[in-house]
């Protein structure tokens, strides 16, 4: 395994241990509101702290962009490498005891995604990828599905509940895709949804208004599993816009045709 992926795995497992230790202690978890339907817990912060500690000890000159602490380290200036970290993807799920949460860690080298880890601490499933080396689930190679379009496809998505202004447009997209695909899934942790696309559990995925830490690792997993990731118009600015379409080549094209102009 690539040495930087190894470090990310170590960090993700450490964060996962924090999450697992507290999943049955929800009555003791401290919760703060960051905005409408946007919460942070002391477990998010503890998980992020252990990730940042592992990454900073291994690579003190690397920059880190993390959900709860923002630019936690700047690498001493214009860093060549930037880690993009979501310590607990699916905080609302965690607070309700809904067993779909993930730890997401990605690495950018000069703006290009080069390493990715998505870890499901409750199922202990580890998704990893390094640019040019493929994607794996628990050490086994994974591939996106070869489905030839939206017909018969199982599509993952997420409602933009944190930004209600996006909801009318999103609901139009949802209805359009639902008319064409076999079925839809909304589980509440985008990093795992994208990992599931890479592993062939979902045929495709789309969502609006996400953050870089929600999608960076999952995007590389899909690309290394033979899939395609883009913005709604087929561009590559999804990390900046937060609007993402992903899947195997033909499913991605079908999603883009269906919702790209909405």
C-alpha atoms as a PDB file:
ATOM      1  CA  UNK A   1       0.000   0.000   0.000  1.00  0.00           C
ATOM      2  CA  UNK A   2       1.174   3.530  -0.772  1.00  0.00           C
ATOM      3  CA  UNK A   3       2.893   5.023   2.332  1.00  0.00           C
ATOM      4  CA  UNK A   4       0.611   8.071   2.410  1.00  0.00           C
ATOM      5  CA  UNK A   5      -2.439   5.812   2.161  1.00  0.00           C
ATOM      6  CA  UNK A   6      -1.025   3.826   5.081  1.00  0.00           C
ATOM      7  CA  UNK A   7      -0.845   6.978   7.190  1.00  0.00           C
ATOM      8  CA  UNK A   8      -4.391   7.910   6.211  1.00  0.00           C
ATOM      9  CA  UNK A   9      -5.572   4.410   7.165  1.00  0.00           C
ATOM     10  CA  UNK A  10      -3.922   4.755  10.562  1.00  0.00           C
ATOM     11  CA  UNK A  11      -5.598   8.115  11.100  1.00  0.00           C
ATOM     12  CA  UNK A  12      -9.011   6.870   9.927  1.00  0.00           C
ATOM     13  CA  UNK A  13      -8.905   3.821  12.189  1.00  0.00           C
ATOM     14  CA  UNK A  14      -7.958   6.002  15.170  1.00  0.00           C
ATOM     15  CA  UNK A  15     -10.942   8.260  14.473  1.00  0.00           C
ATOM     16  CA  UNK A  16     -13.157   5.219  13.988  1.00  0.00           C
ATOM     17  CA  UNK A  17     -12.208   3.972  17.443  1.00  0.00           C
ATOM     18  CA  UNK A  18     -13.411   7.268  18.914  1.00  0.00           C
ATOM     19  CA  UNK A  19     -16.731   6.940  17.086  1.00  0.00           C
ATOM     20  CA  UNK A  20     -17.305   3.313  18.051  1.00  0.00           C
ATOM     21  CA  UNK A  21     -16.522   3.972  21.725  1.00  0.00           C
ATOM     22  CA  UNK A  22     -19.264   6.576  21.839  1.00  0.00           C
ATOM     23  CA  UNK A  23     -22.019   5.176  19.609  1.00  0.00           C
ATOM     24  CA  UNK A  24     -23.742   3.643  22.667  1.00  0.00           C
ATOM     25  CA  UNK A  25     -23.248   6.768  24.816  1.00  0.00           C
ATOM     26  CA  UNK A  26     -25.331   9.219  22.847  1.00  0.00           C
ATOM     27  CA  UNK A  27     -26.971  10.586  25.999  1.00  0.00           C
ATOM     28  CA  UNK A  28     -23.556  11.954  27.017  1.00  0.00           C
ATOM     29  CA  UNK A  29     -22.615  13.481  23.664  1.00  0.00           C
ATOM     30  CA  UNK A  30     -22.439  17.287  23.613  1.00  0.00           C
ATOM     31  CA  UNK A  31     -24.062  18.844  20.553  1.00  0.00           C
ATOM     32  CA  UNK A  32     -23.736  22.348  19.118  1.00  0.00           C
ATOM     33  CA  UNK A  33     -25.514  23.906  16.144  1.00  0.00           C
ATOM     34  CA  UNK A  34     -23.416  25.299  13.286  1.00  0.00           C
ATOM     35  CA  UNK A  35     -26.503  26.351  11.330  1.00  0.00           C
ATOM     36  CA  UNK A  36     -29.889  25.090  10.217  1.00  0.00           C
ATOM     37  CA  UNK A  37     -29.867  21.288  10.513  1.00  0.00           C
ATOM     38  CA  UNK A  38     -26.054  21.410  10.774  1.00  0.00           C
ATOM     39  CA  UNK A  39     -24.631  20.034  13.999  1.00  0.00           C
ATOM     40  CA  UNK A  40     -21.246  19.275  15.473  1.00  0.00           C
ATOM     41  CA  UNK A  41     -20.574  17.037  18.458  1.00  0.00           C
ATOM     42  CA  UNK A  42     -17.645  16.658  20.778  1.00  0.00           C
ATOM     43  CA  UNK A  43     -17.126  13.282  19.078  1.00  0.00           C
ATOM     44  CA  UNK A  44     -16.621  15.015  15.697  1.00  0.00           C
ATOM     45  CA  UNK A  45     -13.968  17.168  17.337  1.00  0.00           C
ATOM     46  CA  UNK A  46     -12.276  14.279  19.158  1.00  0.00           C
ATOM     47  CA  UNK A  47     -12.175  12.193  15.971  1.00  0.00           C
ATOM     48  CA  UNK A  48     -10.751  15.116  14.022  1.00  0.00           C
ATOM     49  CA  UNK A  49      -8.129  15.756  16.695  1.00  0.00           C
ATOM     50  CA  UNK A  50      -6.729  12.230  16.488  1.00  0.00           C
ATOM     51  CA  UNK A  51      -6.672  12.390  12.670  1.00  0.00           C
ATOM     52  CA  UNK A  52      -4.834  15.698  12.665  1.00  0.00           C
ATOM     53  CA  UNK A  53      -2.347  14.407  15.218  1.00  0.00           C
ATOM     54  CA  UNK A  54      -1.477  11.348  13.100  1.00  0.00           C
ATOM     55  CA  UNK A  55      -1.182  13.365   9.873  1.00  0.00           C
ATOM     56  CA  UNK A  56       0.801  16.204  11.413  1.00  0.00           C
ATOM     57  CA  UNK A  57       3.263  13.857  13.115  1.00  0.00           C
ATOM     58  CA  UNK A  58       3.890  12.010   9.843  1.00  0.00           C
ATOM     59  CA  UNK A  59       3.906  15.047   7.546  1.00  0.00           C
ATOM     60  CA  UNK A  60       4.410  18.278   9.527  1.00  0.00           C
ATOM     61  CA  UNK A  61       4.827  20.401   6.397  1.00  0.00           C
ATOM     62  CA  UNK A  62       1.583  19.268   4.784  1.00  0.00           C
ATOM     63  CA  UNK A  63      -1.483  21.499   4.883  1.00  0.00           C
ATOM     64  CA  UNK A  64      -4.718  20.129   6.319  1.00  0.00           C
ATOM     65  CA  UNK A  65      -8.262  21.211   5.461  1.00  0.00           C
ATOM     66  CA  UNK A  66     -10.615  19.702   8.032  1.00  0.00           C
ATOM     67  CA  UNK A  67     -14.359  20.123   8.481  1.00  0.00           C
ATOM     68  CA  UNK A  68     -14.420  21.281  12.086  1.00  0.00           C
ATOM     69  CA  UNK A  69     -11.166  23.225  12.365  1.00  0.00           C
ATOM     70  CA  UNK A  70     -10.844  24.554   8.821  1.00  0.00           C
ATOM     71  CA  UNK A  71      -7.229  25.085   7.754  1.00  0.00           C
ATOM     72  CA  UNK A  72      -5.762  23.333  10.760  1.00  0.00           C
ATOM     73  CA  UNK A  73      -2.206  23.517   9.453  1.00  0.00           C
ATOM     74  CA  UNK A  74      -0.930  25.525   6.525  1.00  0.00           C
ATOM     75  CA  UNK A  75       2.300  23.614   6.045  1.00  0.00           C
ATOM     76  CA  UNK A  76       4.340  26.744   6.626  1.00  0.00           C
ATOM     77  CA  UNK A  77       2.960  28.567   3.590  1.00  0.00           C
ATOM     78  CA  UNK A  78       1.997  27.309   0.153  1.00  0.00           C
ATOM     79  CA  UNK A  79       2.081  23.594   0.894  1.00  0.00           C
ATOM     80  CA  UNK A  80       2.561  21.144  -1.964  1.00  0.00           C
ATOM     81  CA  UNK A  81       0.297  18.603  -0.228  1.00  0.00           C
ATOM     82  CA  UNK A  82      -3.109  19.157   1.383  1.00  0.00           C
ATOM     83  CA  UNK A  83      -5.084  16.603   3.386  1.00  0.00           C
ATOM     84  CA  UNK A  84      -8.889  16.958   3.196  1.00  0.00           C
ATOM     85  CA  UNK A  85     -10.585  15.497   6.271  1.00  0.00           C
ATOM     86  CA  UNK A  86     -14.132  14.689   7.392  1.00  0.00           C
ATOM     87  CA  UNK A  87     -13.767  13.026  10.805  1.00  0.00           C
ATOM     88  CA  UNK A  88     -17.407  11.945  11.123  1.00  0.00           C
ATOM     89  CA  UNK A  89     -19.491  12.002   7.965  1.00  0.00           C
ATOM     90  CA  UNK A  90     -23.109  11.462   8.908  1.00  0.00           C
ATOM     91  CA  UNK A  91     -23.307  13.362  12.194  1.00  0.00           C
ATOM     92  CA  UNK A  92     -27.115  13.373  12.098  1.00  0.00           C
ATOM     93  CA  UNK A  93     -27.058   9.592  11.622  1.00  0.00           C
ATOM     94  CA  UNK A  94     -24.648   9.260  14.547  1.00  0.00           C
ATOM     95  CA  UNK A  95     -26.877  11.345  16.824  1.00  0.00           C
ATOM     96  CA  UNK A  96     -29.876   9.136  16.015  1.00  0.00           C
ATOM     97  CA  UNK A  97     -27.971   5.865  16.317  1.00  0.00           C
ATOM     98  CA  UNK A  98     -28.502   5.237  12.596  1.00  0.00           C
ATOM     99  CA  UNK A  99     -25.607   2.956  11.610  1.00  0.00           C
ATOM    100  CA  UNK A 100     -24.301   4.794   8.537  1.00  0.00           C
ATOM    101  CA  UNK A 101     -21.302   6.969   9.369  1.00  0.00           C
ATOM    102  CA  UNK A 102     -17.887   7.276   7.794  1.00  0.00           C
ATOM    103  CA  UNK A 103     -14.424   8.753   8.185  1.00  0.00           C
ATOM    104  CA  UNK A 104     -13.129  10.382   5.003  1.00  0.00           C
ATOM    105  CA  UNK A 105      -9.502  11.376   4.344  1.00  0.00           C
ATOM    106  CA  UNK A 106      -8.099  12.469   0.980  1.00  0.00           C
ATOM    107  CA  UNK A 107      -4.763  13.883  -0.144  1.00  0.00           C
ATOM    108  CA  UNK A 108      -4.223  16.484  -2.842  1.00  0.00           C
ATOM    109  CA  UNK A 109      -0.810  16.948  -4.449  1.00  0.00           C
ATOM    110  CA  UNK A 110      -0.560  20.244  -6.284  1.00  0.00           C
ATOM    111  CA  UNK A 111      -4.339  20.304  -6.602  1.00  0.00           C
ATOM    112  CA  UNK A 112      -4.742  16.707  -7.850  1.00  0.00           C
ATOM    113  CA  UNK A 113      -6.306  14.013  -5.686  1.00  0.00           C
ATOM    114  CA  UNK A 114      -3.701  11.307  -5.121  1.00  0.00           C
ATOM    115  CA  UNK A 115      -4.761   9.223  -2.109  1.00  0.00           C
ATOM    116  CA  UNK A 116      -8.065   8.363  -0.455  1.00  0.00           C
ATOM    117  CA  UNK A 117      -9.442   6.480   2.512  1.00  0.00           C
ATOM    118  CA  UNK A 118     -13.086   6.062   3.481  1.00  0.00           C
ATOM    119  CA  UNK A 119     -13.604   4.007   6.626  1.00  0.00           C
ATOM    120  CA  UNK A 120     -16.890   2.664   8.003  1.00  0.00           C
ATOM    121  CA  UNK A 121     -16.067   2.088  11.682  1.00  0.00           C
ATOM    122  CA  UNK A 122     -19.325   0.300  12.475  1.00  0.00           C
ATOM    123  CA  UNK A 123     -18.931  -2.324   9.727  1.00  0.00           C
ATOM    124  CA  UNK A 124     -15.119  -2.052   9.837  1.00  0.00           C
ATOM    125  CA  UNK A 125     -14.987  -1.701   6.058  1.00  0.00           C
ATOM    126  CA  UNK A 126     -11.965   0.100   4.656  1.00  0.00           C
ATOM    127  CA  UNK A 127     -12.031   1.650   1.173  1.00  0.00           C
ATOM    128  CA  UNK A 128      -8.662   2.852  -0.140  1.00  0.00           C
ATOM    129  CA  UNK A 129      -7.206   4.262  -3.344  1.00  0.00           C
ATOM    130  CA  UNK A 130      -3.959   5.716  -4.663  1.00  0.00           C
ATOM    131  CA  UNK A 131      -3.836   7.473  -8.021  1.00  0.00           C
ATOM    132  CA  UNK A 132      -2.821   5.028 -10.733  1.00  0.00           C
ATOM    133  CA  UNK A 133      -3.033   1.996  -8.431  1.00  0.00           C
ATOM    134  CA  UNK A 134      -6.759   1.235  -8.384  1.00  0.00           C
ATOM    135  CA  UNK A 135      -9.293   1.154  -5.553  1.00  0.00           C
ATOM    136  CA  UNK A 136      -9.739  -1.514  -2.901  1.00  0.00           C
ATOM    137  CA  UNK A 137     -12.183  -2.635  -0.230  1.00  0.00           C
ATOM    138  CA  UNK A 138     -10.401  -4.432   2.601  1.00  0.00           C
ATOM    139  CA  UNK A 139      -7.518  -5.196   0.255  1.00  0.00           C
ATOM    140  CA  UNK A 140      -9.655  -6.550  -2.604  1.00  0.00           C
ATOM    141  CA  UNK A 141      -9.855  -4.700  -5.922  1.00  0.00           C
ATOM    142  CA  UNK A 142     -13.199  -3.006  -6.578  1.00  0.00           C
ATOM    143  CA  UNK A 143     -14.806  -1.735  -9.781  1.00  0.00           C
ATOM    144  CA  UNK A 144     -17.845   0.345 -10.659  1.00  0.00           C
ATOM    145  CA  UNK A 145     -20.721  -1.516 -12.272  1.00  0.00           C
ATOM    146  CA  UNK A 146     -20.783  -1.868 -16.084  1.00  0.00           C
ATOM    147  CA  UNK A 147     -24.438  -0.820 -16.288  1.00  0.00           C
ATOM    148  CA  UNK A 148     -25.247   0.760 -19.629  1.00  0.00           C
ATOM    149  CA  UNK A 149     -27.547   3.572 -18.465  1.00  0.00           C
ATOM    150  CA  UNK A 150     -30.114   4.666 -15.904  1.00  0.00           C
ATOM    151  CA  UNK A 151     -32.568   1.899 -16.737  1.00  0.00           C
ATOM    152  CA  UNK A 152     -32.282  -0.680 -13.970  1.00  0.00           C
ATOM    153  CA  UNK A 153     -29.820   1.481 -12.022  1.00  0.00           C
ATOM    154  CA  UNK A 154     -29.738   1.946  -8.260  1.00  0.00           C
ATOM    155  CA  UNK A 155     -28.811   5.591  -7.631  1.00  0.00           C
ATOM    156  CA  UNK A 156     -27.608   7.159  -4.408  1.00  0.00           C
ATOM    157  CA  UNK A 157     -28.307  10.772  -3.500  1.00  0.00           C
ATOM    158  CA  UNK A 158     -28.623  13.214  -0.620  1.00  0.00           C
ATOM    159  CA  UNK A 159     -31.083  16.013   0.096  1.00  0.00           C
ATOM    160  CA  UNK A 160     -29.541  19.504   0.445  1.00  0.00           C
ATOM    161  CA  UNK A 161     -31.192  19.986   3.838  1.00  0.00           C
ATOM    162  CA  UNK A 162     -28.546  22.461   5.029  1.00  0.00           C
ATOM    163  CA  UNK A 163     -29.349  24.823   2.140  1.00  0.00           C
ATOM    164  CA  UNK A 164     -33.096  24.962   1.646  1.00  0.00           C
ATOM    165  CA  UNK A 165     -32.696  27.330  -1.326  1.00  0.00           C
ATOM    166  CA  UNK A 166     -31.391  24.375  -3.337  1.00  0.00           C
ATOM    167  CA  UNK A 167     -34.366  22.159  -2.487  1.00  0.00           C
ATOM    168  CA  UNK A 168     -36.790  23.065  -5.333  1.00  0.00           C
ATOM    169  CA  UNK A 169     -34.115  22.484  -7.966  1.00  0.00           C
ATOM    170  CA  UNK A 170     -32.953  19.310  -6.255  1.00  0.00           C
ATOM    171  CA  UNK A 171     -36.477  17.873  -6.006  1.00  0.00           C
ATOM    172  CA  UNK A 172     -36.889  18.375  -9.749  1.00  0.00           C
ATOM    173  CA  UNK A 173     -33.654  16.441 -10.272  1.00  0.00           C
ATOM    174  CA  UNK A 174     -34.788  13.714  -7.878  1.00  0.00           C
ATOM    175  CA  UNK A 175     -38.088  13.266  -9.710  1.00  0.00           C
ATOM    176  CA  UNK A 176     -36.364  13.187 -13.099  1.00  0.00           C
ATOM    177  CA  UNK A 177     -33.879  10.507 -12.029  1.00  0.00           C
ATOM    178  CA  UNK A 178     -36.536   8.501 -10.162  1.00  0.00           C
ATOM    179  CA  UNK A 179     -38.583   8.271 -13.380  1.00  0.00           C
ATOM    180  CA  UNK A 180     -35.637   6.728 -15.240  1.00  0.00           C
ATOM    181  CA  UNK A 181     -33.768   4.608 -12.668  1.00  0.00           C
ATOM    182  CA  UNK A 182     -34.876   1.422 -10.965  1.00  0.00           C
ATOM    183  CA  UNK A 183     -34.701   2.915  -7.451  1.00  0.00           C
ATOM    184  CA  UNK A 184     -33.050   5.555  -5.260  1.00  0.00           C
ATOM    185  CA  UNK A 185     -31.197   5.444  -1.945  1.00  0.00           C
ATOM    186  CA  UNK A 186     -30.532   8.237   0.567  1.00  0.00           C
ATOM    187  CA  UNK A 187     -28.457   7.012   3.522  1.00  0.00           C
ATOM    188  CA  UNK A 188     -27.016  10.284   4.833  1.00  0.00           C
ATOM    189  CA  UNK A 189     -23.226   9.923   4.484  1.00  0.00           C
ATOM    190  CA  UNK A 190     -21.947  11.043   1.075  1.00  0.00           C
ATOM    191  CA  UNK A 191     -18.467   9.603   1.576  1.00  0.00           C
ATOM    192  CA  UNK A 192     -19.920   6.106   2.001  1.00  0.00           C
ATOM    193  CA  UNK A 193     -22.360   6.606  -0.883  1.00  0.00           C
ATOM    194  CA  UNK A 194     -19.435   7.403  -3.173  1.00  0.00           C
ATOM    195  CA  UNK A 195     -17.444   4.469  -1.816  1.00  0.00           C
ATOM    196  CA  UNK A 196     -20.454   2.254  -2.572  1.00  0.00           C
ATOM    197  CA  UNK A 197     -20.444   3.481  -6.173  1.00  0.00           C
ATOM    198  CA  UNK A 198     -16.770   2.539  -6.407  1.00  0.00           C
ATOM    199  CA  UNK A 199     -17.554  -0.909  -4.992  1.00  0.00           C
ATOM    200  CA  UNK A 200     -20.512  -1.505  -7.327  1.00  0.00           C
ATOM    201  CA  UNK A 201     -23.139  -1.399  -4.574  1.00  0.00           C
ATOM    202  CA  UNK A 202     -24.660   1.698  -6.171  1.00  0.00           C
ATOM    203  CA  UNK A 203     -24.608   2.403  -9.897  1.00  0.00           C
ATOM    204  CA  UNK A 204     -24.369   6.170  -9.540  1.00  0.00           C
ATOM    205  CA  UNK A 205     -24.718   9.161  -7.250  1.00  0.00           C
ATOM    206  CA  UNK A 206     -25.637  12.844  -7.407  1.00  0.00           C
ATOM    207  CA  UNK A 207     -26.007  15.623  -4.856  1.00  0.00           C
ATOM    208  CA  UNK A 208     -25.887  19.413  -4.559  1.00  0.00           C
ATOM    209  CA  UNK A 209     -24.131  21.718  -2.113  1.00  0.00           C
ATOM    210  CA  UNK A 210     -21.539  19.371  -0.636  1.00  0.00           C
ATOM    211  CA  UNK A 211     -18.158  20.349   0.830  1.00  0.00           C
ATOM    212  CA  UNK A 212     -14.705  19.160  -0.293  1.00  0.00           C
ATOM    213  CA  UNK A 213     -14.326  16.906   2.751  1.00  0.00           C
ATOM    214  CA  UNK A 214     -17.621  15.167   1.899  1.00  0.00           C
ATOM    215  CA  UNK A 215     -16.540  14.075  -1.569  1.00  0.00           C
ATOM    216  CA  UNK A 216     -12.759  14.262  -2.112  1.00  0.00           C
ATOM    217  CA  UNK A 217     -11.901  10.731  -0.984  1.00  0.00           C
ATOM    218  CA  UNK A 218     -14.970   9.166  -2.582  1.00  0.00           C
ATOM    219  CA  UNK A 219     -14.266  10.891  -5.884  1.00  0.00           C
ATOM    220  CA  UNK A 220     -10.806   9.343  -6.164  1.00  0.00           C
ATOM    221  CA  UNK A 221     -12.167   5.938  -5.142  1.00  0.00           C
ATOM    222  CA  UNK A 222     -14.627   6.066  -8.045  1.00  0.00           C
ATOM    223  CA  UNK A 223     -12.049   7.265 -10.548  1.00  0.00           C
ATOM    224  CA  UNK A 224      -9.631   4.506  -9.536  1.00  0.00           C
ATOM    225  CA  UNK A 225     -12.477   1.976  -9.734  1.00  0.00           C
ATOM    226  CA  UNK A 226     -13.028   2.869 -13.392  1.00  0.00           C
ATOM    227  CA  UNK A 227     -15.801   5.424 -12.946  1.00  0.00           C
ATOM    228  CA  UNK A 228     -16.352   9.075 -13.762  1.00  0.00           C
ATOM    229  CA  UNK A 229     -16.865  12.044 -11.433  1.00  0.00           C
ATOM    230  CA  UNK A 230     -17.801  15.566 -12.482  1.00  0.00           C
ATOM    231  CA  UNK A 231     -19.934  18.591 -11.840  1.00  0.00           C
ATOM    232  CA  UNK A 232     -23.430  18.769 -13.288  1.00  0.00           C
ATOM    233  CA  UNK A 233     -22.181  20.070 -16.628  1.00  0.00           C
ATOM    234  CA  UNK A 234     -19.364  17.557 -16.928  1.00  0.00           C
ATOM    235  CA  UNK A 235     -16.735  19.962 -15.593  1.00  0.00           C
ATOM    236  CA  UNK A 236     -14.166  19.122 -12.947  1.00  0.00           C
ATOM    237  CA  UNK A 237     -14.995  21.867 -10.413  1.00  0.00           C
ATOM    238  CA  UNK A 238     -17.089  19.631  -8.144  1.00  0.00           C
ATOM    239  CA  UNK A 239     -14.771  20.139  -5.161  1.00  0.00           C
ATOM    240  CA  UNK A 240     -15.367  23.884  -5.427  1.00  0.00           C
ATOM    241  CA  UNK A 241     -19.061  23.885  -6.403  1.00  0.00           C
ATOM    242  CA  UNK A 242     -20.118  20.960  -4.227  1.00  0.00           C
ATOM    243  CA  UNK A 243     -22.419  19.728  -7.013  1.00  0.00           C
ATOM    244  CA  UNK A 244     -21.446  16.215  -8.064  1.00  0.00           C
ATOM    245  CA  UNK A 245     -22.473  13.469 -10.490  1.00  0.00           C
ATOM    246  CA  UNK A 246     -20.694  10.112 -10.340  1.00  0.00           C
ATOM    247  CA  UNK A 247     -20.920   6.573 -11.639  1.00  0.00           C
ATOM    248  CA  UNK A 248     -19.738   4.203 -14.297  1.00  0.00           C
ATOM    249  CA  UNK A 249     -19.172   5.851 -17.667  1.00  0.00           C
ATOM    250  CA  UNK A 250     -22.664   5.256 -19.084  1.00  0.00           C
ATOM    251  CA  UNK A 251     -24.556   5.814 -15.831  1.00  0.00           C
ATOM    252  CA  UNK A 252     -22.649   9.051 -15.299  1.00  0.00           C
ATOM    253  CA  UNK A 253     -23.553  10.142 -18.828  1.00  0.00           C
ATOM    254  CA  UNK A 254     -27.198   9.224 -18.224  1.00  0.00           C
ATOM    255  CA  UNK A 255     -27.331  11.214 -14.993  1.00  0.00           C
ATOM    256  CA  UNK A 256     -25.667  14.188 -16.613  1.00  0.00           C
ATOM    257  CA  UNK A 257     -28.135  14.156 -19.499  1.00  0.00           C
ATOM    258  CA  UNK A 258     -31.085  13.831 -17.109  1.00  0.00           C
ATOM    259  CA  UNK A 259     -30.219  16.575 -14.629  1.00  0.00           C
ATOM    260  CA  UNK A 260     -27.391  18.653 -16.099  1.00  0.00           C
ATOM    261  CA  UNK A 261     -29.746  21.216 -17.574  1.00  0.00           C
ATOM    262  CA  UNK A 262     -32.118  21.506 -14.606  1.00  0.00           C
END
